[in-house]
Protein backbone atom coordinates (compact mmCIF):
# COMPACT_ATOMS: atom_id res chain seq x y z
CA MET A 1 73.91 109.35 233.86
CA SER A 2 77.07 110.92 232.74
CA ARG A 3 77.27 114.78 232.44
CA ILE A 4 77.41 116.03 228.80
CA PRO A 5 80.68 118.08 228.57
CA SER A 6 80.20 121.66 227.17
CA LEU A 7 82.52 124.10 225.65
CA GLY A 8 80.46 126.95 227.25
CA PRO A 9 80.54 130.56 225.93
CA ARG A 10 83.98 130.05 224.55
CA GLY A 11 82.77 127.39 222.26
CA GLU A 12 79.95 129.43 221.14
CA GLY A 13 82.46 132.27 220.51
CA TRP A 14 84.34 130.14 218.21
CA VAL A 15 81.25 129.47 216.09
CA VAL A 16 80.58 133.11 215.77
CA LEU A 17 84.17 133.69 214.71
CA GLN A 18 83.88 130.94 212.04
CA LEU A 19 80.76 132.65 210.94
CA VAL A 20 82.34 136.20 210.60
CA GLY A 21 85.40 134.38 208.73
CA ILE A 22 82.99 132.87 206.37
CA ALA A 23 81.24 136.10 205.65
CA LEU A 24 84.56 137.75 205.13
CA VAL A 25 85.36 135.19 202.50
CA VAL A 26 82.16 135.77 200.81
CA VAL A 27 82.19 139.55 200.65
CA SER A 28 86.08 139.84 199.96
CA PRO A 29 85.78 139.65 196.21
CA ARG A 30 84.01 142.97 196.34
CA PHE A 31 87.24 144.71 197.52
CA ASP A 32 89.55 143.06 195.13
CA VAL A 33 90.71 143.90 191.65
CA GLU A 34 90.22 141.06 188.99
CA THR A 35 92.87 140.31 186.54
CA ARG A 36 92.20 140.93 183.01
CA PRO A 37 89.75 138.39 181.49
CA GLY A 38 91.88 137.61 178.29
CA GLU A 39 94.85 136.26 180.19
CA PRO A 40 94.87 132.36 179.56
CA VAL A 41 96.02 131.51 183.08
CA ALA A 42 93.15 133.65 184.51
CA SER A 43 90.77 131.59 182.29
CA VAL A 44 91.88 128.25 183.75
CA LEU A 45 91.77 129.57 187.26
CA ARG A 46 88.43 130.75 186.78
CA VAL A 47 87.14 127.65 185.32
CA GLY A 48 88.86 125.59 188.05
CA GLY A 49 87.45 127.79 190.71
CA GLN A 50 84.06 127.18 189.49
CA VAL A 51 84.49 123.48 189.60
CA LEU A 52 85.78 123.80 193.10
CA LEU A 53 82.67 125.68 194.21
CA LEU A 54 80.51 123.16 192.75
CA ALA A 55 82.52 120.34 194.45
CA SER A 56 82.30 122.34 197.70
CA LEU A 57 78.58 122.90 197.33
CA ALA A 58 78.17 119.02 196.94
CA LEU A 59 80.07 118.11 199.82
CA LEU A 60 78.54 120.74 201.99
CA LEU A 61 74.82 119.30 201.17
CA TRP A 62 75.86 115.71 201.31
CA GLY A 63 77.37 116.25 204.63
CA TYR A 64 74.39 118.14 205.92
CA VAL A 65 71.81 115.72 204.66
CA GLU A 66 73.79 112.76 206.18
CA LEU A 67 73.97 114.56 209.50
CA GLN A 68 70.15 115.36 209.33
CA ARG A 69 69.40 111.72 208.57
CA SER A 70 71.28 110.53 211.59
CA GLY A 71 69.88 113.31 213.89
CA ALA A 72 73.20 114.70 214.59
CA PHE A 73 73.07 118.10 213.16
CA SER A 74 73.73 121.07 215.24
CA ILE A 75 75.15 124.40 214.81
CA LEU A 76 76.46 124.52 218.29
CA PRO A 77 79.65 122.85 219.40
CA ARG A 78 78.08 120.73 221.85
CA PRO A 79 77.49 117.02 222.07
CA ILE A 80 73.82 116.08 221.51
CA VAL A 81 72.37 113.73 224.20
CA GLY A 82 72.35 110.14 222.90
CA GLY A 83 74.58 111.29 219.98
CA ARG A 84 76.74 109.04 218.19
CA LEU A 85 79.54 109.25 215.76
CA VAL A 86 78.31 109.48 212.13
CA GLU A 87 80.25 106.94 209.99
CA SER A 88 78.07 106.95 206.79
CA GLY A 89 78.00 109.02 203.61
CA PRO A 90 81.05 111.46 203.24
CA TYR A 91 81.93 110.80 206.92
CA ARG A 92 83.17 107.38 205.88
CA VAL A 93 86.06 109.24 204.32
CA ILE A 94 86.05 112.70 205.70
CA ARG A 95 85.75 113.46 209.35
CA ASN A 96 84.43 116.86 208.79
CA PRO A 97 82.82 117.27 205.21
CA ILE A 98 80.97 120.45 206.06
CA TYR A 99 84.36 122.36 207.14
CA SER A 100 86.05 120.79 204.22
CA GLY A 101 83.47 122.12 201.75
CA LEU A 102 83.82 125.63 203.37
CA VAL A 103 87.54 125.57 202.74
CA ILE A 104 87.27 124.12 199.15
CA GLY A 105 84.66 126.79 198.49
CA ALA A 106 86.71 129.63 199.90
CA ILE A 107 89.54 128.38 197.61
CA GLY A 108 87.17 128.15 194.70
CA ILE A 109 86.00 131.84 195.23
CA ALA A 110 89.43 132.85 195.24
CA ALA A 111 90.57 131.06 192.14
CA SER A 112 87.38 132.15 190.06
CA ARG A 113 88.01 135.78 190.96
CA VAL A 114 91.82 135.06 190.49
CA SER A 115 92.02 136.99 193.67
CA TRP A 116 95.03 136.74 196.08
CA LEU A 117 93.33 138.78 198.54
CA THR A 118 90.44 136.46 198.73
CA LEU A 119 92.69 133.40 199.03
CA VAL A 120 94.49 134.84 201.93
């Protein structure tokens, strides 16, 4: 039987850093100043941002459901015993739909708030 590789504490540390980064994206709009609501560009950005947020939510949920269905979901960056590469659902096209959904959602939050601080 082959030994399953592990990223050790360093891998789990990266997961913690990712969660901190996600939390910062979520709370950053609280510390930013919005543009005036009547500006046409701001209105387009807000609507576009909300569309991106809905798309990211759909992608996140679809990726999660597909991983759950295949028994491959794990929050830790460790291979699962007997795990296999998931190639169904969004994984046919996107290798990491959950991470992609998070990035699209972060951009959607920034656009819907018309916030350069959040985008950064």
